[in-house]
Amino acid sequence: MMVKDPVPGRVKTRLGRDIGMVPAAHWFRHQALTMIVA
Protein backbone atom coordinates (compact mmCIF):
# COMPACT_ATOMS: atom_id res chain seq x y z
CA MET A 1 0.00 0.00 0.00
CA MET A 2 1.32 3.44 -0.91
CA VAL A 3 0.08 6.43 1.06
CA LYS A 4 1.10 10.09 0.85
CA ASP A 5 2.73 11.75 3.83
CA PRO A 6 -0.15 13.66 5.50
CA VAL A 7 1.29 17.17 5.17
CA PRO A 8 -1.16 20.10 5.34
CA GLY A 9 -1.54 21.63 1.89
CA ARG A 10 -0.27 18.49 0.12
CA VAL A 11 -3.16 16.10 0.79
CA LYS A 12 -6.94 16.59 0.49
CA THR A 13 -6.56 20.11 -0.91
CA ARG A 14 -10.18 20.34 -2.11
CA LEU A 15 -11.45 19.35 1.33
CA GLY A 16 -8.93 21.76 2.84
CA ARG A 17 -10.51 24.69 1.02
CA ASP A 18 -13.70 24.09 3.00
CA ILE A 19 -12.48 22.99 6.43
CA GLY A 20 -8.84 24.16 6.47
CA MET A 21 -5.63 22.43 5.49
CA VAL A 22 -4.64 21.22 8.97
CA PRO A 23 -8.03 19.58 9.71
CA ALA A 24 -8.00 18.02 6.21
CA ALA A 25 -4.52 16.56 6.81
CA HIS A 26 -5.67 15.26 10.21
CA TRP A 27 -8.69 13.61 8.55
CA PHE A 28 -6.43 12.03 5.90
CA ARG A 29 -4.03 10.73 8.58
CA HIS A 30 -6.91 9.22 10.56
CA GLN A 31 -8.44 7.55 7.48
CA ALA A 32 -5.07 6.17 6.31
CA LEU A 33 -4.32 4.69 9.73
CA THR A 34 -7.79 3.15 9.85
CA MET A 35 -7.17 1.44 6.48
CA ILE A 36 -3.71 0.19 7.50
CA VAL A 37 -4.88 -1.25 10.83
CA ALA A 38 -8.03 -2.86 9.39
C-alpha atoms as a PDB file:
ATOM      1  CA  MET A   1       0.000   0.000   0.000  1.00  0.00           C
ATOM      2  CA  MET A   2       1.324   3.437  -0.909  1.00  0.00           C
ATOM      3  CA  VAL A   3       0.079   6.434   1.055  1.00  0.00           C
ATOM      4  CA  LYS A   4       1.100  10.085   0.845  1.00  0.00           C
ATOM      5  CA  ASP A   5       2.726  11.750   3.826  1.00  0.00           C
ATOM      6  CA  PRO A   6      -0.145  13.658   5.498  1.00  0.00           C
ATOM      7  CA  VAL A   7       1.293  17.174   5.166  1.00  0.00           C
ATOM      8  CA  PRO A   8      -1.157  20.099   5.342  1.00  0.00           C
ATOM      9  CA  GLY A   9      -1.543  21.626   1.891  1.00  0.00           C
ATOM     10  CA  ARG A  10      -0.268  18.489   0.123  1.00  0.00           C
ATOM     11  CA  VAL A  11      -3.159  16.097   0.790  1.00  0.00           C
ATOM     12  CA  LYS A  12      -6.936  16.586   0.491  1.00  0.00           C
ATOM     13  CA  THR A  13      -6.563  20.112  -0.906  1.00  0.00           C
ATOM     14  CA  ARG A  14     -10.176  20.343  -2.106  1.00  0.00           C
ATOM     15  CA  LEU A  15     -11.446  19.353   1.334  1.00  0.00           C
ATOM     16  CA  GLY A  16      -8.930  21.765   2.841  1.00  0.00           C
ATOM     17  CA  ARG A  17     -10.514  24.694   1.018  1.00  0.00           C
ATOM     18  CA  ASP A  18     -13.704  24.092   2.996  1.00  0.00           C
ATOM     19  CA  ILE A  19     -12.480  22.993   6.435  1.00  0.00           C
ATOM     20  CA  GLY A  20      -8.844  24.164   6.473  1.00  0.00           C
ATOM     21  CA  MET A  21      -5.626  22.428   5.487  1.00  0.00           C
ATOM     22  CA  VAL A  22      -4.643  21.224   8.972  1.00  0.00           C
ATOM     23  CA  PRO A  23      -8.026  19.576   9.706  1.00  0.00           C
ATOM     24  CA  ALA A  24      -7.999  18.021   6.214  1.00  0.00           C
ATOM     25  CA  ALA A  25      -4.522  16.561   6.814  1.00  0.00           C
ATOM     26  CA  HIS A  26      -5.675  15.265  10.215  1.00  0.00           C
ATOM     27  CA  TRP A  27      -8.694  13.613   8.548  1.00  0.00           C
ATOM     28  CA  PHE A  28      -6.427  12.034   5.903  1.00  0.00           C
ATOM     29  CA  ARG A  29      -4.028  10.730   8.575  1.00  0.00           C
ATOM     30  CA  HIS A  30      -6.911   9.217  10.559  1.00  0.00           C
ATOM     31  CA  GLN A  31      -8.438   7.548   7.481  1.00  0.00           C
ATOM     32  CA  ALA A  32      -5.070   6.173   6.306  1.00  0.00           C
ATOM     33  CA  LEU A  33      -4.316   4.686   9.732  1.00  0.00           C
ATOM     34  CA  THR A  34      -7.792   3.152   9.846  1.00  0.00           C
ATOM     35  CA  MET A  35      -7.171   1.442   6.483  1.00  0.00           C
ATOM     36  CA  ILE A  36      -3.710   0.193   7.497  1.00  0.00           C
ATOM     37  CA  VAL A  37      -4.881  -1.249  10.830  1.00  0.00           C
ATOM     38  CA  ALA A  38      -8.027  -2.864   9.390  1.00  0.00           C
END
